Amino acid sequence: MTEEFVLDLDEGVPPMPRPAEPSRSLEQLEGRWPDPPEDSTSLVRAIHALRRRPIGDLRPDELARLITQDVGLPRLLPLAVRVLRDTAPRQPAGGWYDDDLLYAVVTRKPQVWE
């Protein structure tokens, strides 16, 4: 007889804070940044554009881009952790998992998590 192993990802883990209102953008929540200079890199222009999008519409790769640049962390990290926690149980069955988002989240400075 084979014993089934069930992983409870929530066991002993304190609840994450709720992400900010998903219909609002970082720009609405944190204030508007000045427009980037005309000679800005594509990364700078992309970050500015992503700050104008509702956070609930951001894809995992977009969340990763903002998080690796330390933009909007108090509002985006809870959302990113929720995305990662929701996709983790599907991994054994060959489900999709965003490694860039995972890397972005786990490589933030310890002070961010305090």
C-alpha atoms as a PDB file:
ATOM      1  CA  MET A   1       0.000   0.000   0.000  1.00  0.00           C
ATOM      2  CA  THR A   2       1.400   3.379  -1.031  1.00  0.00           C
ATOM      3  CA  GLU A   3       1.056   6.345   1.253  1.00  0.00           C
ATOM      4  CA  GLU A   4       0.106   9.582  -0.485  1.00  0.00           C
ATOM      5  CA  PHE A   5       2.170  12.639   0.370  1.00  0.00           C
ATOM      6  CA  VAL A   6       0.349  15.976   0.399  1.00  0.00           C
ATOM      7  CA  LEU A   7       2.284  19.197   0.724  1.00  0.00           C
ATOM      8  CA  ASP A   8       0.447  21.941   2.581  1.00  0.00           C
ATOM      9  CA  LEU A   9       2.093  25.177   1.458  1.00  0.00           C
ATOM     10  CA  ASP A  10       0.139  27.194   4.003  1.00  0.00           C
ATOM     11  CA  GLU A  11       1.152  25.145   7.057  1.00  0.00           C
ATOM     12  CA  GLY A  12       2.993  27.335   9.536  1.00  0.00           C
ATOM     13  CA  VAL A  13       3.248  30.245   7.107  1.00  0.00           C
ATOM     14  CA  PRO A  14       1.870  33.587   8.239  1.00  0.00           C
ATOM     15  CA  PRO A  15      -0.510  35.162   5.748  1.00  0.00           C
ATOM     16  CA  MET A  16       0.994  37.629   3.294  1.00  0.00           C
ATOM     17  CA  PRO A  17      -0.416  41.141   3.313  1.00  0.00           C
ATOM     18  CA  ARG A  18      -3.052  41.677   0.685  1.00  0.00           C
ATOM     19  CA  PRO A  19      -1.778  43.338  -2.460  1.00  0.00           C
ATOM     20  CA  ALA A  20      -3.008  46.828  -3.205  1.00  0.00           C
ATOM     21  CA  GLU A  21      -6.251  47.324  -5.120  1.00  0.00           C
ATOM     22  CA  PRO A  22      -5.622  45.440  -8.406  1.00  0.00           C
ATOM     23  CA  SER A  23      -7.428  48.009 -10.541  1.00  0.00           C
ATOM     24  CA  ARG A  24      -5.015  50.765  -9.502  1.00  0.00           C
ATOM     25  CA  SER A  25      -1.565  51.402 -10.913  1.00  0.00           C
ATOM     26  CA  LEU A  26       1.629  52.036  -8.989  1.00  0.00           C
ATOM     27  CA  GLU A  27       1.489  55.552 -10.357  1.00  0.00           C
ATOM     28  CA  GLN A  28      -1.944  56.030  -8.756  1.00  0.00           C
ATOM     29  CA  LEU A  29      -0.800  54.457  -5.493  1.00  0.00           C
ATOM     30  CA  GLU A  30       2.656  55.997  -5.159  1.00  0.00           C
ATOM     31  CA  GLY A  31       2.503  59.152  -7.241  1.00  0.00           C
ATOM     32  CA  ARG A  32       3.614  60.068 -10.704  1.00  0.00           C
ATOM     33  CA  TRP A  33       7.254  60.010 -11.736  1.00  0.00           C
ATOM     34  CA  PRO A  34       8.614  62.641 -14.122  1.00  0.00           C
ATOM     35  CA  ASP A  35       8.689  61.438 -17.728  1.00  0.00           C
ATOM     36  CA  PRO A  36      11.943  59.650 -18.566  1.00  0.00           C
ATOM     37  CA  PRO A  37      14.484  61.602 -20.612  1.00  0.00           C
ATOM     38  CA  GLU A  38      14.311  61.066 -24.372  1.00  0.00           C
ATOM     39  CA  ASP A  39      17.633  59.208 -24.401  1.00  0.00           C
ATOM     40  CA  SER A  40      16.510  56.722 -21.706  1.00  0.00           C
ATOM     41  CA  THR A  41      17.164  53.032 -22.091  1.00  0.00           C
ATOM     42  CA  SER A  42      14.361  50.678 -23.060  1.00  0.00           C
ATOM     43  CA  LEU A  43      14.393  49.345 -19.486  1.00  0.00           C
ATOM     44  CA  VAL A  44      13.751  52.793 -18.017  1.00  0.00           C
ATOM     45  CA  ARG A  45      10.938  53.449 -20.498  1.00  0.00           C
ATOM     46  CA  ALA A  46       9.426  50.023 -19.785  1.00  0.00           C
ATOM     47  CA  ILE A  47       9.478  50.572 -16.015  1.00  0.00           C
ATOM     48  CA  HIS A  48       7.738  53.932 -16.419  1.00  0.00           C
ATOM     49  CA  ALA A  49       5.096  52.352 -18.660  1.00  0.00           C
ATOM     50  CA  LEU A  50       4.513  49.415 -16.282  1.00  0.00           C
ATOM     51  CA  ARG A  51       3.957  51.818 -13.372  1.00  0.00           C
ATOM     52  CA  ARG A  52       0.959  53.209 -15.286  1.00  0.00           C
ATOM     53  CA  ARG A  53      -0.747  49.806 -15.699  1.00  0.00           C
ATOM     54  CA  PRO A  54      -3.186  48.387 -13.130  1.00  0.00           C
ATOM     55  CA  ILE A  55      -1.179  46.050 -10.924  1.00  0.00           C
ATOM     56  CA  GLY A  56      -3.779  43.311 -11.335  1.00  0.00           C
ATOM     57  CA  ASP A  57      -3.095  43.301 -15.091  1.00  0.00           C
ATOM     58  CA  LEU A  58       0.659  42.794 -14.763  1.00  0.00           C
ATOM     59  CA  ARG A  59       1.973  39.472 -16.085  1.00  0.00           C
ATOM     60  CA  PRO A  60       4.565  37.530 -14.040  1.00  0.00           C
ATOM     61  CA  ASP A  61       7.405  38.678 -16.310  1.00  0.00           C
ATOM     62  CA  GLU A  62       6.308  42.289 -15.845  1.00  0.00           C
ATOM     63  CA  LEU A  63       6.125  41.867 -12.080  1.00  0.00           C
ATOM     64  CA  ALA A  64       9.633  40.396 -12.188  1.00  0.00           C
ATOM     65  CA  ARG A  65      10.917  43.366 -14.187  1.00  0.00           C
ATOM     66  CA  LEU A  66       9.528  45.865 -11.668  1.00  0.00           C
ATOM     67  CA  ILE A  67      10.641  43.863  -8.637  1.00  0.00           C
ATOM     68  CA  THR A  68      14.222  43.397  -9.880  1.00  0.00           C
ATOM     69  CA  GLN A  69      14.395  47.179 -10.188  1.00  0.00           C
ATOM     70  CA  ASP A  70      13.031  47.534  -6.602  1.00  0.00           C
ATOM     71  CA  VAL A  71       9.975  49.410  -7.838  1.00  0.00           C
ATOM     72  CA  GLY A  72       6.728  49.209  -5.844  1.00  0.00           C
ATOM     73  CA  LEU A  73       7.954  46.417  -3.595  1.00  0.00           C
ATOM     74  CA  PRO A  74       5.482  46.893  -0.714  1.00  0.00           C
ATOM     75  CA  ARG A  75       2.603  46.529  -3.163  1.00  0.00           C
ATOM     76  CA  LEU A  76       4.052  44.065  -5.676  1.00  0.00           C
ATOM     77  CA  LEU A  77       5.806  41.507  -3.478  1.00  0.00           C
ATOM     78  CA  PRO A  78       2.568  40.223  -1.899  1.00  0.00           C
ATOM     79  CA  LEU A  79       1.096  39.868  -5.388  1.00  0.00           C
ATOM     80  CA  ALA A  80       4.213  38.094  -6.692  1.00  0.00           C
ATOM     81  CA  VAL A  81       4.302  35.687  -3.740  1.00  0.00           C
ATOM     82  CA  ARG A  82       0.646  34.896  -4.321  1.00  0.00           C
ATOM     83  CA  VAL A  83       1.343  34.121  -8.008  1.00  0.00           C
ATOM     84  CA  LEU A  84       4.241  31.866  -7.027  1.00  0.00           C
ATOM     85  CA  ARG A  85       2.239  30.083  -4.321  1.00  0.00           C
ATOM     86  CA  ASP A  86      -0.660  29.517  -6.706  1.00  0.00           C
ATOM     87  CA  THR A  87       1.551  27.985  -9.398  1.00  0.00           C
ATOM     88  CA  ALA A  88       3.842  25.887  -7.136  1.00  0.00           C
ATOM     89  CA  PRO A  89       1.400  22.994  -6.568  1.00  0.00           C
ATOM     90  CA  ARG A  90       1.164  22.425 -10.334  1.00  0.00           C
ATOM     91  CA  GLN A  91       4.922  21.906 -10.705  1.00  0.00           C
ATOM     92  CA  PRO A  92       5.004  18.129 -10.074  1.00  0.00           C
ATOM     93  CA  ALA A  93       2.475  17.678 -12.882  1.00  0.00           C
ATOM     94  CA  GLY A  94       4.609  19.674 -15.316  1.00  0.00           C
ATOM     95  CA  GLY A  95       2.877  22.987 -14.724  1.00  0.00           C
ATOM     96  CA  TRP A  96       4.303  26.374 -15.585  1.00  0.00           C
ATOM     97  CA  TYR A  97       6.377  28.301 -13.057  1.00  0.00           C
ATOM     98  CA  ASP A  98       8.003  31.667 -13.684  1.00  0.00           C
ATOM     99  CA  ASP A  99      11.678  31.328 -12.729  1.00  0.00           C
ATOM    100  CA  ASP A 100      12.329  35.042 -13.386  1.00  0.00           C
ATOM    101  CA  LEU A 101       9.617  36.021 -10.929  1.00  0.00           C
ATOM    102  CA  LEU A 102      10.926  33.565  -8.341  1.00  0.00           C
ATOM    103  CA  TYR A 103      14.457  34.923  -8.768  1.00  0.00           C
ATOM    104  CA  ALA A 104      13.221  38.517  -8.495  1.00  0.00           C
ATOM    105  CA  VAL A 105      11.367  37.770  -5.263  1.00  0.00           C
ATOM    106  CA  VAL A 106      14.022  35.730  -3.471  1.00  0.00           C
ATOM    107  CA  THR A 107      16.905  38.060  -4.332  1.00  0.00           C
ATOM    108  CA  ARG A 108      15.471  41.169  -2.681  1.00  0.00           C
ATOM    109  CA  LYS A 109      17.540  42.529   0.187  1.00  0.00           C
ATOM    110  CA  PRO A 110      16.667  41.154   3.640  1.00  0.00           C
ATOM    111  CA  GLN A 111      15.569  44.613   4.790  1.00  0.00           C
ATOM    112  CA  VAL A 112      12.703  44.474   2.281  1.00  0.00           C
ATOM    113  CA  TRP A 113      11.205  41.506   4.103  1.00  0.00           C
ATOM    114  CA  GLU A 114      11.468  42.969   7.614  1.00  0.00           C
END
